[in-house]
């Protein structure tokens, strides 16, 4: 009996927290519309502290910071919004606007046709969404198999078998994509430079040779760490070392 009481209490508590978060979100949105960006940001960060994060939340935080002329902060939050939901077009558009205020102009290495297809169609969907597609396809495959098994009409039986086979093949492909997306997400660590200007070294030591400079707002990929240093790679292929404290990792 006590177990059920605890579960009910937890459920009521979760509903109350959810309602509080929704109320805070609406209030923050209103403060933003009224031009009170600092007040709106404070409310959004209060929501973030509850753990009820979302792509929309980080998009709105990015908007506040952009209005407050915090370019690296806005870029970081737009990137975080896209990391949670790659299909968030508003965050993507605002990210491109914010990036125009950065000093570094880094040309991405050319992509082949397969890389372009992957980035445009596959990587634009989060691995969570691909997982939901897998669930739908598995249910569909199960239904089609049952229909095939119990079908009496030979023509319908063949049709259900063909559709079942197609759904199984689609499920296999989607499972592979989901696994690849998840692995890529976990193994790829990206960060935003928060220093006004930082020197990129050829080795993880203070007295090593400077090979190029980066400025706030630039996105880098972290490929290794050593003590207080991080080895980074840019989209144009350049590699170097900087202080870990000079960047903020995107969640």
C-alpha atoms as a PDB file:
ATOM      1  CA  UNK A   1       0.000   0.000   0.000  1.00  0.00           C
ATOM      2  CA  UNK A   2       2.785   2.402   0.960  1.00  0.00           C
ATOM      3  CA  UNK A   3       4.484   1.698  -2.405  1.00  0.00           C
ATOM      4  CA  UNK A   4       1.398   2.886  -4.322  1.00  0.00           C
ATOM      5  CA  UNK A   5       1.076   5.980  -2.139  1.00  0.00           C
ATOM      6  CA  UNK A   6       4.698   6.894  -2.879  1.00  0.00           C
ATOM      7  CA  UNK A   7       4.180   6.364  -6.627  1.00  0.00           C
ATOM      8  CA  UNK A   8       1.055   8.528  -6.598  1.00  0.00           C
ATOM      9  CA  UNK A   9       2.901  11.250  -4.658  1.00  0.00           C
ATOM     10  CA  UNK A  10       5.775  11.158  -7.132  1.00  0.00           C
ATOM     11  CA  UNK A  11       3.341  11.391 -10.029  1.00  0.00           C
ATOM     12  CA  UNK A  12       1.572  14.391  -8.520  1.00  0.00           C
ATOM     13  CA  UNK A  13       4.952  16.002  -7.781  1.00  0.00           C
ATOM     14  CA  UNK A  14       6.100  15.504 -11.387  1.00  0.00           C
ATOM     15  CA  UNK A  15       2.883  17.024 -12.720  1.00  0.00           C
ATOM     16  CA  UNK A  16       3.317  20.026 -10.408  1.00  0.00           C
ATOM     17  CA  UNK A  17       6.911  20.527 -11.538  1.00  0.00           C
ATOM     18  CA  UNK A  18       5.823  20.257 -15.172  1.00  0.00           C
ATOM     19  CA  UNK A  19       3.144  22.900 -14.654  1.00  0.00           C
ATOM     20  CA  UNK A  20       5.640  25.184 -12.885  1.00  0.00           C
ATOM     21  CA  UNK A  21       8.112  24.799 -15.762  1.00  0.00           C
ATOM     22  CA  UNK A  22       5.435  25.590 -18.345  1.00  0.00           C
ATOM     23  CA  UNK A  23       4.400  28.666 -16.379  1.00  0.00           C
ATOM     24  CA  UNK A  24       8.037  29.810 -16.112  1.00  0.00           C
ATOM     25  CA  UNK A  25       8.557  29.227 -19.833  1.00  0.00           C
ATOM     26  CA  UNK A  26       5.510  31.318 -20.750  1.00  0.00           C
ATOM     27  CA  UNK A  27       6.573  34.069 -18.345  1.00  0.00           C
ATOM     28  CA  UNK A  28      10.102  34.066 -19.795  1.00  0.00           C
ATOM     29  CA  UNK A  29       8.697  34.284 -23.321  1.00  0.00           C
ATOM     30  CA  UNK A  30       6.606  37.272 -22.301  1.00  0.00           C
ATOM     31  CA  UNK A  31       9.604  39.009 -20.720  1.00  0.00           C
ATOM     32  CA  UNK A  32      11.536  38.428 -23.962  1.00  0.00           C
ATOM     33  CA  UNK A  33       8.712  39.934 -26.035  1.00  0.00           C
ATOM     34  CA  UNK A  34       8.758  42.957 -23.711  1.00  0.00           C
ATOM     35  CA  UNK A  35      12.482  43.426 -24.356  1.00  0.00           C
ATOM     36  CA  UNK A  36      13.499  42.404 -20.828  1.00  0.00           C
ATOM     37  CA  UNK A  37      16.190  40.012 -22.022  1.00  0.00           C
ATOM     38  CA  UNK A  38      18.067  39.680 -18.742  1.00  0.00           C
ATOM     39  CA  UNK A  39      14.867  38.838 -16.860  1.00  0.00           C
ATOM     40  CA  UNK A  40      13.885  36.331 -19.549  1.00  0.00           C
ATOM     41  CA  UNK A  41      17.337  34.749 -19.441  1.00  0.00           C
ATOM     42  CA  UNK A  42      17.147  34.393 -15.663  1.00  0.00           C
ATOM     43  CA  UNK A  43      13.830  32.534 -15.981  1.00  0.00           C
ATOM     44  CA  UNK A  44      15.104  30.272 -18.770  1.00  0.00           C
ATOM     45  CA  UNK A  45      18.156  29.401 -16.671  1.00  0.00           C
ATOM     46  CA  UNK A  46      15.849  28.632 -13.760  1.00  0.00           C
ATOM     47  CA  UNK A  47      14.091  26.099 -15.994  1.00  0.00           C
ATOM     48  CA  UNK A  48      17.448  24.675 -17.084  1.00  0.00           C
ATOM     49  CA  UNK A  49      18.381  24.147 -13.430  1.00  0.00           C
ATOM     50  CA  UNK A  50      15.340  21.867 -12.985  1.00  0.00           C
ATOM     51  CA  UNK A  51      16.716  19.504 -15.641  1.00  0.00           C
ATOM     52  CA  UNK A  52      13.678  20.024 -17.907  1.00  0.00           C
ATOM     53  CA  UNK A  53      15.822  20.897 -20.908  1.00  0.00           C
ATOM     54  CA  UNK A  54      14.700  21.044 -24.529  1.00  0.00           C
ATOM     55  CA  UNK A  55      15.803  22.325 -27.900  1.00  0.00           C
ATOM     56  CA  UNK A  56      13.309  25.205 -27.602  1.00  0.00           C
ATOM     57  CA  UNK A  57      14.734  26.202 -24.210  1.00  0.00           C
ATOM     58  CA  UNK A  58      18.310  26.507 -25.486  1.00  0.00           C
ATOM     59  CA  UNK A  59      17.102  28.262 -28.630  1.00  0.00           C
ATOM     60  CA  UNK A  60      15.405  30.892 -26.484  1.00  0.00           C
ATOM     61  CA  UNK A  61      18.461  31.240 -24.232  1.00  0.00           C
ATOM     62  CA  UNK A  62      20.510  31.786 -27.377  1.00  0.00           C
ATOM     63  CA  UNK A  63      18.109  34.499 -28.515  1.00  0.00           C
ATOM     64  CA  UNK A  64      18.431  36.307 -25.182  1.00  0.00           C
ATOM     65  CA  UNK A  65      22.229  36.186 -25.256  1.00  0.00           C
ATOM     66  CA  UNK A  66      22.272  37.367 -28.871  1.00  0.00           C
ATOM     67  CA  UNK A  67      20.145  40.391 -27.907  1.00  0.00           C
ATOM     68  CA  UNK A  68      22.599  41.013 -25.046  1.00  0.00           C
ATOM     69  CA  UNK A  69      25.540  40.972 -27.529  1.00  0.00           C
ATOM     70  CA  UNK A  70      26.975  37.759 -26.066  1.00  0.00           C
ATOM     71  CA  UNK A  71      27.965  36.169 -29.372  1.00  0.00           C
ATOM     72  CA  UNK A  72      29.801  33.039 -28.107  1.00  0.00           C
ATOM     73  CA  UNK A  73      27.038  32.376 -25.583  1.00  0.00           C
ATOM     74  CA  UNK A  74      24.325  32.661 -28.228  1.00  0.00           C
ATOM     75  CA  UNK A  75      26.222  30.391 -30.627  1.00  0.00           C
ATOM     76  CA  UNK A  76      26.802  27.839 -27.868  1.00  0.00           C
ATOM     77  CA  UNK A  77      23.100  27.682 -27.041  1.00  0.00           C
ATOM     78  CA  UNK A  78      21.959  27.540 -30.672  1.00  0.00           C
ATOM     79  CA  UNK A  79      24.403  24.661 -31.206  1.00  0.00           C
ATOM     80  CA  UNK A  80      23.065  22.954 -28.081  1.00  0.00           C
ATOM     81  CA  UNK A  81      19.501  23.344 -29.358  1.00  0.00           C
ATOM     82  CA  UNK A  82      20.550  21.672 -32.620  1.00  0.00           C
ATOM     83  CA  UNK A  83      22.395  18.901 -30.771  1.00  0.00           C
ATOM     84  CA  UNK A  84      19.102  18.033 -29.042  1.00  0.00           C
ATOM     85  CA  UNK A  85      16.966  18.484 -32.174  1.00  0.00           C
ATOM     86  CA  UNK A  86      18.787  18.785 -35.522  1.00  0.00           C
ATOM     87  CA  UNK A  87      15.443  19.642 -37.160  1.00  0.00           C
ATOM     88  CA  UNK A  88      15.102  22.922 -35.229  1.00  0.00           C
ATOM     89  CA  UNK A  89      15.224  25.256 -38.243  1.00  0.00           C
ATOM     90  CA  UNK A  90      14.746  28.409 -36.146  1.00  0.00           C
ATOM     91  CA  UNK A  91      17.874  27.600 -34.134  1.00  0.00           C
ATOM     92  CA  UNK A  92      19.776  26.786 -37.342  1.00  0.00           C
ATOM     93  CA  UNK A  93      18.787  30.080 -38.972  1.00  0.00           C
ATOM     94  CA  UNK A  94      19.633  32.131 -35.877  1.00  0.00           C
ATOM     95  CA  UNK A  95      22.945  30.299 -35.562  1.00  0.00           C
ATOM     96  CA  UNK A  96      23.901  31.382 -39.075  1.00  0.00           C
ATOM     97  CA  UNK A  97      23.027  34.986 -38.205  1.00  0.00           C
ATOM     98  CA  UNK A  98      25.104  34.867 -34.997  1.00  0.00           C
ATOM     99  CA  UNK A  99      28.082  33.286 -36.795  1.00  0.00           C
ATOM    100  CA  UNK A 100      28.263  36.323 -39.076  1.00  0.00           C
ATOM    101  CA  UNK A 101      29.385  38.342 -36.044  1.00  0.00           C
ATOM    102  CA  UNK A 102      32.431  36.130 -35.418  1.00  0.00           C
ATOM    103  CA  UNK A 103      35.889  37.059 -36.682  1.00  0.00           C
ATOM    104  CA  UNK A 104      37.023  33.654 -37.925  1.00  0.00           C
ATOM    105  CA  UNK A 105      36.026  32.636 -41.447  1.00  0.00           C
ATOM    106  CA  UNK A 106      36.792  28.951 -41.798  1.00  0.00           C
ATOM    107  CA  UNK A 107      35.971  27.195 -45.051  1.00  0.00           C
ATOM    108  CA  UNK A 108      34.694  23.646 -44.631  1.00  0.00           C
ATOM    109  CA  UNK A 109      36.425  20.910 -46.596  1.00  0.00           C
ATOM    110  CA  UNK A 110      34.436  19.864 -49.714  1.00  0.00           C
ATOM    111  CA  UNK A 111      32.035  16.945 -49.187  1.00  0.00           C
ATOM    112  CA  UNK A 112      31.408  14.123 -51.607  1.00  0.00           C
ATOM    113  CA  UNK A 113      27.870  13.210 -52.685  1.00  0.00           C
ATOM    114  CA  UNK A 114      27.472  10.607 -49.926  1.00  0.00           C
ATOM    115  CA  UNK A 115      28.614  13.023 -47.199  1.00  0.00           C
ATOM    116  CA  UNK A 116      26.207  15.673 -48.503  1.00  0.00           C
ATOM    117  CA  UNK A 117      23.332  13.172 -48.493  1.00  0.00           C
ATOM    118  CA  UNK A 118      24.225  12.082 -44.957  1.00  0.00           C
ATOM    119  CA  UNK A 119      24.378  15.610 -43.545  1.00  0.00           C
ATOM    120  CA  UNK A 120      21.211  16.761 -45.326  1.00  0.00           C
ATOM    121  CA  UNK A 121      18.927  13.793 -44.758  1.00  0.00           C
ATOM    122  CA  UNK A 122      20.354  11.407 -42.142  1.00  0.00           C
ATOM    123  CA  UNK A 123      22.227  13.639 -39.695  1.00  0.00           C
ATOM    124  CA  UNK A 124      19.355  16.162 -39.800  1.00  0.00           C
ATOM    125  CA  UNK A 125      17.318  13.692 -37.712  1.00  0.00           C
ATOM    126  CA  UNK A 126      18.393  12.929 -34.140  1.00  0.00           C
ATOM    127  CA  UNK A 127      19.161   9.355 -33.097  1.00  0.00           C
ATOM    128  CA  UNK A 128      16.171   9.537 -30.725  1.00  0.00           C
ATOM    129  CA  UNK A 129      13.878  10.210 -33.686  1.00  0.00           C
ATOM    130  CA  UNK A 130      15.477   7.359 -35.622  1.00  0.00           C
ATOM    131  CA  UNK A 131      14.805   5.121 -32.607  1.00  0.00           C
ATOM    132  CA  UNK A 132      11.111   6.062 -32.696  1.00  0.00           C
ATOM    133  CA  UNK A 133      11.040   5.199 -36.400  1.00  0.00           C
ATOM    134  CA  UNK A 134      12.518   1.791 -35.505  1.00  0.00           C
ATOM    135  CA  UNK A 135       9.717   1.208 -33.011  1.00  0.00           C
ATOM    136  CA  UNK A 136       7.050   2.108 -35.578  1.00  0.00           C
ATOM    137  CA  UNK A 137       8.626  -0.164 -38.200  1.00  0.00           C
ATOM    138  CA  UNK A 138       8.914  -3.064 -35.735  1.00  0.00           C
ATOM    139  CA  UNK A 139       5.199  -2.729 -34.845  1.00  0.00           C
ATOM    140  CA  UNK A 140       4.312  -2.538 -38.531  1.00  0.00           C
ATOM    141  CA  UNK A 141       6.407  -5.621 -39.288  1.00  0.00           C
ATOM    142  CA  UNK A 142       4.673  -7.494 -36.472  1.00  0.00           C
ATOM    143  CA  UNK A 143       1.205  -6.571 -37.751  1.00  0.00           C
ATOM    144  CA  UNK A 144       2.095  -7.540 -41.328  1.00  0.00           C
ATOM    145  CA  UNK A 145       3.471 -10.892 -40.178  1.00  0.00           C
ATOM    146  CA  UNK A 146       0.250 -11.654 -38.275  1.00  0.00           C
ATOM    147  CA  UNK A 147      -1.816 -10.686 -41.334  1.00  0.00           C
ATOM    148  CA  UNK A 148       0.393 -12.881 -43.535  1.00  0.00           C
ATOM    149  CA  UNK A 149       0.173 -15.815 -41.107  1.00  0.00           C
ATOM    150  CA  UNK A 150      -3.619 -15.780 -40.862  1.00  0.00           C
ATOM    151  CA  UNK A 151      -4.398 -14.773 -44.451  1.00  0.00           C
ATOM    152  CA  UNK A 152      -6.320 -17.384 -46.443  1.00  0.00           C
ATOM    153  CA  UNK A 153      -6.441 -15.699 -49.839  1.00  0.00           C
ATOM    154  CA  UNK A 154      -3.164 -16.563 -51.711  1.00  0.00           C
ATOM    155  CA  UNK A 155      -2.956 -13.121 -53.345  1.00  0.00           C
ATOM    156  CA  UNK A 156      -3.320 -11.347 -49.993  1.00  0.00           C
ATOM    157  CA  UNK A 157      -0.839 -13.747 -48.423  1.00  0.00           C
ATOM    158  CA  UNK A 158       1.768 -12.857 -51.065  1.00  0.00           C
ATOM    159  CA  UNK A 159       1.042  -9.137 -50.643  1.00  0.00           C
ATOM    160  CA  UNK A 160       1.452  -9.297 -46.851  1.00  0.00           C
ATOM    161  CA  UNK A 161       4.668 -11.289 -47.226  1.00  0.00           C
ATOM    162  CA  UNK A 162       6.133  -8.725 -49.630  1.00  0.00           C
ATOM    163  CA  UNK A 163       5.134  -5.828 -47.374  1.00  0.00           C
ATOM    164  CA  UNK A 164       6.483  -7.685 -44.332  1.00  0.00           C
ATOM    165  CA  UNK A 165       9.825  -8.255 -46.097  1.00  0.00           C
ATOM    166  CA  UNK A 166      10.047  -4.581 -47.070  1.00  0.00           C
ATOM    167  CA  UNK A 167       9.292  -3.484 -43.495  1.00  0.00           C
ATOM    168  CA  UNK A 168      11.955  -5.856 -42.096  1.00  0.00           C
ATOM    169  CA  UNK A 169      14.562  -4.540 -44.552  1.00  0.00           C
ATOM    170  CA  UNK A 170      13.579  -0.957 -43.688  1.00  0.00           C
ATOM    171  CA  UNK A 171      13.807  -1.781 -39.987  1.00  0.00           C
ATOM    172  CA  UNK A 172      17.301  -3.268 -40.451  1.00  0.00           C
ATOM    173  CA  UNK A 173      18.486  -0.144 -42.270  1.00  0.00           C
ATOM    174  CA  UNK A 174      16.939   2.167 -39.697  1.00  0.00           C
ATOM    175  CA  UNK A 175      18.506   0.209 -36.825  1.00  0.00           C
ATOM    176  CA  UNK A 176      21.910   0.608 -38.483  1.00  0.00           C
ATOM    177  CA  UNK A 177      21.387   4.355 -38.921  1.00  0.00           C
ATOM    178  CA  UNK A 178      20.205   4.719 -35.308  1.00  0.00           C
ATOM    179  CA  UNK A 179      23.248   2.863 -34.003  1.00  0.00           C
ATOM    180  CA  UNK A 180      25.609   4.899 -36.207  1.00  0.00           C
ATOM    181  CA  UNK A 181      24.017   8.195 -35.173  1.00  0.00           C
ATOM    182  CA  UNK A 182      24.189   7.273 -31.494  1.00  0.00           C
ATOM    183  CA  UNK A 183      27.854   6.208 -31.749  1.00  0.00           C
ATOM    184  CA  UNK A 184      28.743   9.346 -33.691  1.00  0.00           C
ATOM    185  CA  UNK A 185      26.971  11.542 -31.140  1.00  0.00           C
ATOM    186  CA  UNK A 186      28.747   9.929 -28.189  1.00  0.00           C
ATOM    187  CA  UNK A 187      32.194   9.915 -29.814  1.00  0.00           C
ATOM    188  CA  UNK A 188      32.071  13.414 -31.329  1.00  0.00           C
ATOM    189  CA  UNK A 189      32.799  16.190 -28.850  1.00  0.00           C
ATOM    190  CA  UNK A 190      32.319  19.759 -30.067  1.00  0.00           C
ATOM    191  CA  UNK A 191      32.933  23.005 -28.220  1.00  0.00           C
ATOM    192  CA  UNK A 192      32.692  26.773 -28.670  1.00  0.00           C
ATOM    193  CA  UNK A 193      35.608  29.128 -28.075  1.00  0.00           C
ATOM    194  CA  UNK A 194      34.752  31.658 -25.349  1.00  0.00           C
ATOM    195  CA  UNK A 195      38.043  33.589 -25.255  1.00  0.00           C
ATOM    196  CA  UNK A 196      38.199  36.869 -27.192  1.00  0.00           C
ATOM    197  CA  UNK A 197      41.353  35.530 -28.831  1.00  0.00           C
ATOM    198  CA  UNK A 198      43.246  32.329 -28.186  1.00  0.00           C
ATOM    199  CA  UNK A 199      46.553  31.040 -29.488  1.00  0.00           C
ATOM    200  CA  UNK A 200      46.486  27.551 -30.999  1.00  0.00           C
ATOM    201  CA  UNK A 201      49.730  25.669 -30.312  1.00  0.00           C
ATOM    202  CA  UNK A 202      51.422  22.804 -32.113  1.00  0.00           C
ATOM    203  CA  UNK A 203      52.001  21.022 -28.784  1.00  0.00           C
ATOM    204  CA  UNK A 204      50.199  20.995 -25.389  1.00  0.00           C
ATOM    205  CA  UNK A 205      52.745  23.251 -23.679  1.00  0.00           C
ATOM    206  CA  UNK A 206      52.756  26.960 -22.884  1.00  0.00           C
ATOM    207  CA  UNK A 207      56.048  27.619 -24.705  1.00  0.00           C
ATOM    208  CA  UNK A 208      55.240  25.638 -27.868  1.00  0.00           C
ATOM    209  CA  UNK A 209      54.935  27.272 -31.273  1.00  0.00           C
ATOM    210  CA  UNK A 210      51.798  29.208 -32.157  1.00  0.00           C
ATOM    211  CA  UNK A 211      50.340  27.935 -35.453  1.00  0.00           C
ATOM    212  CA  UNK A 212      47.200  30.077 -35.736  1.00  0.00           C
ATOM    213  CA  UNK A 213      44.697  32.160 -33.766  1.00  0.00           C
ATOM    214  CA  UNK A 214      41.025  31.615 -33.017  1.00  0.00           C
ATOM    215  CA  UNK A 215      38.422  34.014 -31.680  1.00  0.00           C
ATOM    216  CA  UNK A 216      35.257  33.773 -29.604  1.00  0.00           C
ATOM    217  CA  UNK A 217      32.292  31.986 -31.131  1.00  0.00           C
ATOM    218  CA  UNK A 218      34.274  29.552 -33.278  1.00  0.00           C
ATOM    219  CA  UNK A 219      33.169  25.931 -33.186  1.00  0.00           C
ATOM    220  CA  UNK A 220      35.870  23.275 -32.778  1.00  0.00           C
ATOM    221  CA  UNK A 221      35.932  19.505 -32.515  1.00  0.00           C
ATOM    222  CA  UNK A 222      37.833  18.117 -29.524  1.00  0.00           C
ATOM    223  CA  UNK A 223      39.750  15.006 -30.549  1.00  0.00           C
ATOM    224  CA  UNK A 224      42.004  14.551 -27.514  1.00  0.00           C
ATOM    225  CA  UNK A 225      42.768  15.961 -24.075  1.00  0.00           C
ATOM    226  CA  UNK A 226      45.944  16.079 -22.004  1.00  0.00           C
ATOM    227  CA  UNK A 227      46.001  17.654 -18.548  1.00  0.00           C
ATOM    228  CA  UNK A 228      44.754  21.232 -19.011  1.00  0.00           C
ATOM    229  CA  UNK A 229      44.988  21.091 -22.819  1.00  0.00           C
ATOM    230  CA  UNK A 230      42.579  20.020 -25.564  1.00  0.00           C
ATOM    231  CA  UNK A 231      43.532  18.967 -29.075  1.00  0.00           C
ATOM    232  CA  UNK A 232      41.103  20.472 -31.572  1.00  0.00           C
ATOM    233  CA  UNK A 233      40.242  20.071 -35.226  1.00  0.00           C
ATOM    234  CA  UNK A 234      38.535  22.654 -37.440  1.00  0.00           C
ATOM    235  CA  UNK A 235      36.195  21.997 -40.354  1.00  0.00           C
ATOM    236  CA  UNK A 236      38.993  22.977 -42.747  1.00  0.00           C
ATOM    237  CA  UNK A 237      41.212  20.203 -41.348  1.00  0.00           C
ATOM    238  CA  UNK A 238      43.551  22.326 -39.216  1.00  0.00           C
ATOM    239  CA  UNK A 239      44.652  20.738 -35.918  1.00  0.00           C
ATOM    240  CA  UNK A 240      46.207  22.256 -32.813  1.00  0.00           C
ATOM    241  CA  UNK A 241      46.128  22.547 -29.025  1.00  0.00           C
ATOM    242  CA  UNK A 242      44.464  25.109 -26.757  1.00  0.00           C
ATOM    243  CA  UNK A 243      43.667  25.468 -23.066  1.00  0.00           C
ATOM    244  CA  UNK A 244      40.552  23.469 -22.128  1.00  0.00           C
ATOM    245  CA  UNK A 245      39.336  26.396 -20.024  1.00  0.00           C
ATOM    246  CA  UNK A 246      39.057  28.532 -23.165  1.00  0.00           C
ATOM    247  CA  UNK A 247      36.231  26.483 -24.662  1.00  0.00           C
ATOM    248  CA  UNK A 248      32.816  25.234 -23.533  1.00  0.00           C
ATOM    249  CA  UNK A 249      31.749  21.773 -24.594  1.00  0.00           C
ATOM    250  CA  UNK A 250      28.360  21.461 -26.308  1.00  0.00           C
ATOM    251  CA  UNK A 251      26.156  18.932 -24.494  1.00  0.00           C
END
